[in-house]
C-alpha atoms as a PDB file:
ATOM      1  CA  UNK A   1     138.243 150.804-168.970  1.00  0.00           C
ATOM      2  CA  UNK A   2     136.409 148.282-166.819  1.00  0.00           C
ATOM      3  CA  UNK A   3     134.576 145.400-168.452  1.00  0.00           C
ATOM      4  CA  UNK A   4     131.667 144.029-166.462  1.00  0.00           C
ATOM      5  CA  UNK A   5     129.716 140.920-167.435  1.00  0.00           C
ATOM      6  CA  UNK A   6     126.130 140.784-166.254  1.00  0.00           C
ATOM      7  CA  UNK A   7     124.668 137.306-166.336  1.00  0.00           C
ATOM      8  CA  UNK A   8     121.424 135.555-165.478  1.00  0.00           C
ATOM      9  CA  UNK A   9     119.300 132.761-166.856  1.00  0.00           C
ATOM     10  CA  UNK A  10     117.141 133.475-169.908  1.00  0.00           C
ATOM     11  CA  UNK A  11     114.670 136.248-168.997  1.00  0.00           C
ATOM     12  CA  UNK A  12     116.565 136.817-165.758  1.00  0.00           C
ATOM     13  CA  UNK A  13     116.950 140.551-166.366  1.00  0.00           C
ATOM     14  CA  UNK A  14     120.357 140.874-168.056  1.00  0.00           C
ATOM     15  CA  UNK A  15     119.296 143.112-170.934  1.00  0.00           C
ATOM     16  CA  UNK A  16     116.984 145.288-168.860  1.00  0.00           C
ATOM     17  CA  UNK A  17     119.661 145.888-166.239  1.00  0.00           C
ATOM     18  CA  UNK A  18     122.448 146.512-168.760  1.00  0.00           C
ATOM     19  CA  UNK A  19     120.319 149.053-170.645  1.00  0.00           C
ATOM     20  CA  UNK A  20     119.316 150.846-167.435  1.00  0.00           C
ATOM     21  CA  UNK A  21     122.909 151.043-166.176  1.00  0.00           C
ATOM     22  CA  UNK A  22     124.046 152.365-169.529  1.00  0.00           C
ATOM     23  CA  UNK A  23     121.555 155.231-169.183  1.00  0.00           C
ATOM     24  CA  UNK A  24     122.896 156.103-165.718  1.00  0.00           C
ATOM     25  CA  UNK A  25     126.621 155.872-166.281  1.00  0.00           C
ATOM     26  CA  UNK A  26     128.151 158.201-168.865  1.00  0.00           C
ATOM     27  CA  UNK A  27     130.824 156.826-171.174  1.00  0.00           C
ATOM     28  CA  UNK A  28     129.392 153.318-170.992  1.00  0.00           C
ATOM     29  CA  UNK A  29     129.088 150.953-173.947  1.00  0.00           C
ATOM     30  CA  UNK A  30     127.326 147.598-174.063  1.00  0.00           C
ATOM     31  CA  UNK A  31     127.410 144.407-176.068  1.00  0.00           C
ATOM     32  CA  UNK A  32     124.592 141.892-175.999  1.00  0.00           C
ATOM     33  CA  UNK A  33     125.226 138.172-176.456  1.00  0.00           C
ATOM     34  CA  UNK A  34     121.829 137.672-178.117  1.00  0.00           C
ATOM     35  CA  UNK A  35     122.754 140.126-180.889  1.00  0.00           C
ATOM     36  CA  UNK A  36     125.259 137.623-182.281  1.00  0.00           C
ATOM     37  CA  UNK A  37     125.055 134.365-184.222  1.00  0.00           C
ATOM     38  CA  UNK A  38     128.039 132.267-183.226  1.00  0.00           C
ATOM     39  CA  UNK A  39     129.590 129.253-184.891  1.00  0.00           C
ATOM     40  CA  UNK A  40     129.046 126.232-182.663  1.00  0.00           C
ATOM     41  CA  UNK A  41     125.866 127.705-181.210  1.00  0.00           C
ATOM     42  CA  UNK A  42     123.902 125.046-179.315  1.00  0.00           C
ATOM     43  CA  UNK A  43     120.586 123.945-180.825  1.00  0.00           C
ATOM     44  CA  UNK A  44     119.937 120.832-178.731  1.00  0.00           C
ATOM     45  CA  UNK A  45     120.380 121.864-175.103  1.00  0.00           C
ATOM     46  CA  UNK A  46     119.499 118.502-173.531  1.00  0.00           C
ATOM     47  CA  UNK A  47     122.150 116.804-175.711  1.00  0.00           C
ATOM     48  CA  UNK A  48     124.650 119.567-174.911  1.00  0.00           C
ATOM     49  CA  UNK A  49     123.916 119.090-171.203  1.00  0.00           C
ATOM     50  CA  UNK A  50     124.354 115.314-171.410  1.00  0.00           C
ATOM     51  CA  UNK A  51     127.707 115.829-173.154  1.00  0.00           C
ATOM     52  CA  UNK A  52     129.057 118.015-170.349  1.00  0.00           C
ATOM     53  CA  UNK A  53     127.619 121.478-171.129  1.00  0.00           C
ATOM     54  CA  UNK A  54     130.897 122.940-172.396  1.00  0.00           C
ATOM     55  CA  UNK A  55     130.309 126.666-172.984  1.00  0.00           C
ATOM     56  CA  UNK A  56     133.411 126.768-175.166  1.00  0.00           C
ATOM     57  CA  UNK A  57     131.497 125.196-178.073  1.00  0.00           C
ATOM     58  CA  UNK A  58     130.321 128.726-178.894  1.00  0.00           C
ATOM     59  CA  UNK A  59     132.963 130.476-181.018  1.00  0.00           C
ATOM     60  CA  UNK A  60     132.985 133.902-179.373  1.00  0.00           C
ATOM     61  CA  UNK A  61     135.706 135.426-181.551  1.00  0.00           C
ATOM     62  CA  UNK A  62     133.236 138.000-183.026  1.00  0.00           C
ATOM     63  CA  UNK A  63     132.295 139.159-179.517  1.00  0.00           C
ATOM     64  CA  UNK A  64     135.946 139.291-178.459  1.00  0.00           C
ATOM     65  CA  UNK A  65     136.758 141.370-181.562  1.00  0.00           C
ATOM     66  CA  UNK A  66     134.023 143.860-180.684  1.00  0.00           C
ATOM     67  CA  UNK A  67     135.298 144.049-177.099  1.00  0.00           C
ATOM     68  CA  UNK A  68     138.818 144.749-178.349  1.00  0.00           C
ATOM     69  CA  UNK A  69     137.569 147.426-180.765  1.00  0.00           C
ATOM     70  CA  UNK A  70     135.732 149.202-177.956  1.00  0.00           C
ATOM     71  CA  UNK A  71     138.824 149.012-175.736  1.00  0.00           C
ATOM     72  CA  UNK A  72     140.988 150.448-178.514  1.00  0.00           C
ATOM     73  CA  UNK A  73     138.566 153.298-179.165  1.00  0.00           C
ATOM     74  CA  UNK A  74     139.345 154.830-175.780  1.00  0.00           C
ATOM     75  CA  UNK A  75     135.875 156.381-175.721  1.00  0.00           C
ATOM     76  CA  UNK A  76     134.443 154.544-172.723  1.00  0.00           C
ATOM     77  CA  UNK A  77     135.025 154.065-169.013  1.00  0.00           C
ATOM     78  CA  UNK A  78     132.853 150.947-168.839  1.00  0.00           C
ATOM     79  CA  UNK A  79     131.835 148.160-171.159  1.00  0.00           C
ATOM     80  CA  UNK A  80     128.851 146.124-170.009  1.00  0.00           C
ATOM     81  CA  UNK A  81     128.403 142.662-171.437  1.00  0.00           C
ATOM     82  CA  UNK A  82     124.908 141.196-171.439  1.00  0.00           C
ATOM     83  CA  UNK A  83     126.532 137.805-171.345  1.00  0.00           C
ATOM     84  CA  UNK A  84     125.614 134.445-169.794  1.00  0.00           C
ATOM     85  CA  UNK A  85     128.939 132.701-169.088  1.00  0.00           C
ATOM     86  CA  UNK A  86     130.816 134.810-166.496  1.00  0.00           C
ATOM     87  CA  UNK A  87     134.473 133.700-166.478  1.00  0.00           C
ATOM     88  CA  UNK A  88     133.742 130.276-167.948  1.00  0.00           C
ATOM     89  CA  UNK A  89     134.401 130.910-171.633  1.00  0.00           C
ATOM     90  CA  UNK A  90     138.118 130.842-172.520  1.00  0.00           C
ATOM     91  CA  UNK A  91     137.765 133.429-175.307  1.00  0.00           C
ATOM     92  CA  UNK A  92     136.276 136.158-173.096  1.00  0.00           C
ATOM     93  CA  UNK A  93     137.390 135.467-169.507  1.00  0.00           C
ATOM     94  CA  UNK A  94     140.686 137.368-169.645  1.00  0.00           C
ATOM     95  CA  UNK A  95     138.890 140.538-170.742  1.00  0.00           C
ATOM     96  CA  UNK A  96     136.544 140.613-167.753  1.00  0.00           C
ATOM     97  CA  UNK A  97     137.181 142.765-164.706  1.00  0.00           C
ATOM     98  CA  UNK A  98     134.071 141.712-162.794  1.00  0.00           C
ATOM     99  CA  UNK A  99     131.111 139.400-163.209  1.00  0.00           C
ATOM    100  CA  UNK A 100     127.718 140.113-161.694  1.00  0.00           C
ATOM    101  CA  UNK A 101     125.093 137.383-161.658  1.00  0.00           C
ATOM    102  CA  UNK A 102     121.424 138.258-161.237  1.00  0.00           C
ATOM    103  CA  UNK A 103     120.046 135.234-159.388  1.00  0.00           C
ATOM    104  CA  UNK A 104     116.494 135.281-160.687  1.00  0.00           C
ATOM    105  CA  UNK A 105     114.259 132.466-159.432  1.00  0.00           C
ATOM    106  CA  UNK A 106     113.386 130.176-162.311  1.00  0.00           C
ATOM    107  CA  UNK A 107     109.632 130.642-161.881  1.00  0.00           C
ATOM    108  CA  UNK A 108     110.020 134.410-162.289  1.00  0.00           C
ATOM    109  CA  UNK A 109     112.293 133.999-165.325  1.00  0.00           C
ATOM    110  CA  UNK A 110     109.866 131.543-166.911  1.00  0.00           C
ATOM    111  CA  UNK A 111     106.910 133.871-166.343  1.00  0.00           C
ATOM    112  CA  UNK A 112     108.861 136.776-167.862  1.00  0.00           C
ATOM    113  CA  UNK A 113     109.836 134.688-170.876  1.00  0.00           C
ATOM    114  CA  UNK A 114     106.247 133.620-171.517  1.00  0.00           C
ATOM    115  CA  UNK A 115     105.016 137.201-171.182  1.00  0.00           C
ATOM    116  CA  UNK A 116     107.847 138.597-173.339  1.00  0.00           C
ATOM    117  CA  UNK A 117     108.163 135.955-176.038  1.00  0.00           C
ATOM    118  CA  UNK A 118     104.736 134.346-176.307  1.00  0.00           C
ATOM    119  CA  UNK A 119     102.323 137.250-176.570  1.00  0.00           C
ATOM    120  CA  UNK A 120     100.784 135.974-179.786  1.00  0.00           C
ATOM    121  CA  UNK A 121     101.264 132.267-179.121  1.00  0.00           C
ATOM    122  CA  UNK A 122      98.379 129.839-178.863  1.00  0.00           C
ATOM    123  CA  UNK A 123      97.515 128.184-175.564  1.00  0.00           C
ATOM    124  CA  UNK A 124      98.539 124.809-177.028  1.00  0.00           C
ATOM    125  CA  UNK A 125     101.968 126.172-177.974  1.00  0.00           C
ATOM    126  CA  UNK A 126     102.407 127.618-174.492  1.00  0.00           C
ATOM    127  CA  UNK A 127     101.422 124.266-172.946  1.00  0.00           C
ATOM    128  CA  UNK A 128     103.954 122.522-175.203  1.00  0.00           C
ATOM    129  CA  UNK A 129     106.612 124.999-174.120  1.00  0.00           C
ATOM    130  CA  UNK A 130     105.798 124.298-170.460  1.00  0.00           C
ATOM    131  CA  UNK A 131     106.059 120.555-171.126  1.00  0.00           C
ATOM    132  CA  UNK A 132     109.476 121.038-172.735  1.00  0.00           C
ATOM    133  CA  UNK A 133     110.560 123.218-169.843  1.00  0.00           C
ATOM    134  CA  UNK A 134     109.616 120.574-167.293  1.00  0.00           C
ATOM    135  CA  UNK A 135     110.951 117.673-169.340  1.00  0.00           C
ATOM    136  CA  UNK A 136     114.409 119.032-170.164  1.00  0.00           C
ATOM    137  CA  UNK A 137     114.907 122.813-170.307  1.00  0.00           C
ATOM    138  CA  UNK A 138     114.630 123.395-166.554  1.00  0.00           C
ATOM    139  CA  UNK A 139     117.587 121.078-165.961  1.00  0.00           C
ATOM    140  CA  UNK A 140     119.693 123.175-168.349  1.00  0.00           C
ATOM    141  CA  UNK A 141     118.689 126.406-166.569  1.00  0.00           C
ATOM    142  CA  UNK A 142     119.409 124.944-163.131  1.00  0.00           C
ATOM    143  CA  UNK A 143     122.863 123.787-164.179  1.00  0.00           C
ATOM    144  CA  UNK A 144     123.765 127.051-165.874  1.00  0.00           C
ATOM    145  CA  UNK A 145     122.428 129.025-162.926  1.00  0.00           C
ATOM    146  CA  UNK A 146     124.594 127.090-160.463  1.00  0.00           C
ATOM    147  CA  UNK A 147     127.740 127.095-162.596  1.00  0.00           C
ATOM    148  CA  UNK A 148     127.730 130.749-163.628  1.00  0.00           C
ATOM    149  CA  UNK A 149     126.604 132.004-160.229  1.00  0.00           C
ATOM    150  CA  UNK A 150     129.409 130.079-158.516  1.00  0.00           C
ATOM    151  CA  UNK A 151     132.153 131.833-160.502  1.00  0.00           C
ATOM    152  CA  UNK A 152     130.693 135.343-160.445  1.00  0.00           C
ATOM    153  CA  UNK A 153     132.197 138.036-158.227  1.00  0.00           C
ATOM    154  CA  UNK A 154     128.835 139.394-157.119  1.00  0.00           C
ATOM    155  CA  UNK A 155     125.344 137.923-156.902  1.00  0.00           C
ATOM    156  CA  UNK A 156     122.245 140.096-156.868  1.00  0.00           C
ATOM    157  CA  UNK A 157     118.882 138.714-155.791  1.00  0.00           C
ATOM    158  CA  UNK A 158     116.799 138.738-158.985  1.00  0.00           C
ATOM    159  CA  UNK A 159     113.546 138.653-157.013  1.00  0.00           C
ATOM    160  CA  UNK A 160     114.159 142.213-155.803  1.00  0.00           C
ATOM    161  CA  UNK A 161     112.432 145.161-157.375  1.00  0.00           C
ATOM    162  CA  UNK A 162     114.062 146.177-160.660  1.00  0.00           C
ATOM    163  CA  UNK A 163     115.150 149.572-159.342  1.00  0.00           C
ATOM    164  CA  UNK A 164     116.905 147.909-156.396  1.00  0.00           C
ATOM    165  CA  UNK A 165     118.713 145.479-158.727  1.00  0.00           C
ATOM    166  CA  UNK A 166     119.869 148.347-160.944  1.00  0.00           C
ATOM    167  CA  UNK A 167     121.026 150.430-157.965  1.00  0.00           C
ATOM    168  CA  UNK A 168     122.969 147.497-156.519  1.00  0.00           C
ATOM    169  CA  UNK A 169     124.628 146.777-159.873  1.00  0.00           C
ATOM    170  CA  UNK A 170     125.602 150.443-160.343  1.00  0.00           C
ATOM    171  CA  UNK A 171     127.090 150.516-156.852  1.00  0.00           C
ATOM    172  CA  UNK A 172     129.153 147.403-157.626  1.00  0.00           C
ATOM    173  CA  UNK A 173     130.365 148.820-160.928  1.00  0.00           C
ATOM    174  CA  UNK A 174     131.409 152.135-159.393  1.00  0.00           C
ATOM    175  CA  UNK A 175     133.541 150.240-156.835  1.00  0.00           C
ATOM    176  CA  UNK A 176     135.515 148.423-159.560  1.00  0.00           C
END
């Protein structure tokens, strides 16, 4: 079995791409980072960033256990991880065969996040979110984007059309 991590910034397309690939490739399972609550999960990202942005503060043992259970099942040829850290987290890195990073421009990711997550939000709340983004959140995204992209095996341009991103990711996975 091949285990492929697909990363991007928040709203960069990870989940959409993982779900689309799973539909195309038989015998493919997926695990999604956002489906878990981890011990050590970061609440204050600016503080975390100022303290060195160590991804290992997240206790990913539950995710690792699920990965190992899927491996042991023998039912799948591929396991896709909708997962932000590429090879950088010590608990998961040894399980990964390849890491793909979708390099989505931050303006596109921000627009997607507002559209996806703030449908019923007031204009004042959206303005406050934009203020927070400019004041501190953007710096976190920029750092994570650079660090995770730099250690990934493949980088896909996240400004491409979705179908092109999916096709490129499938092609990469089939070469593994």
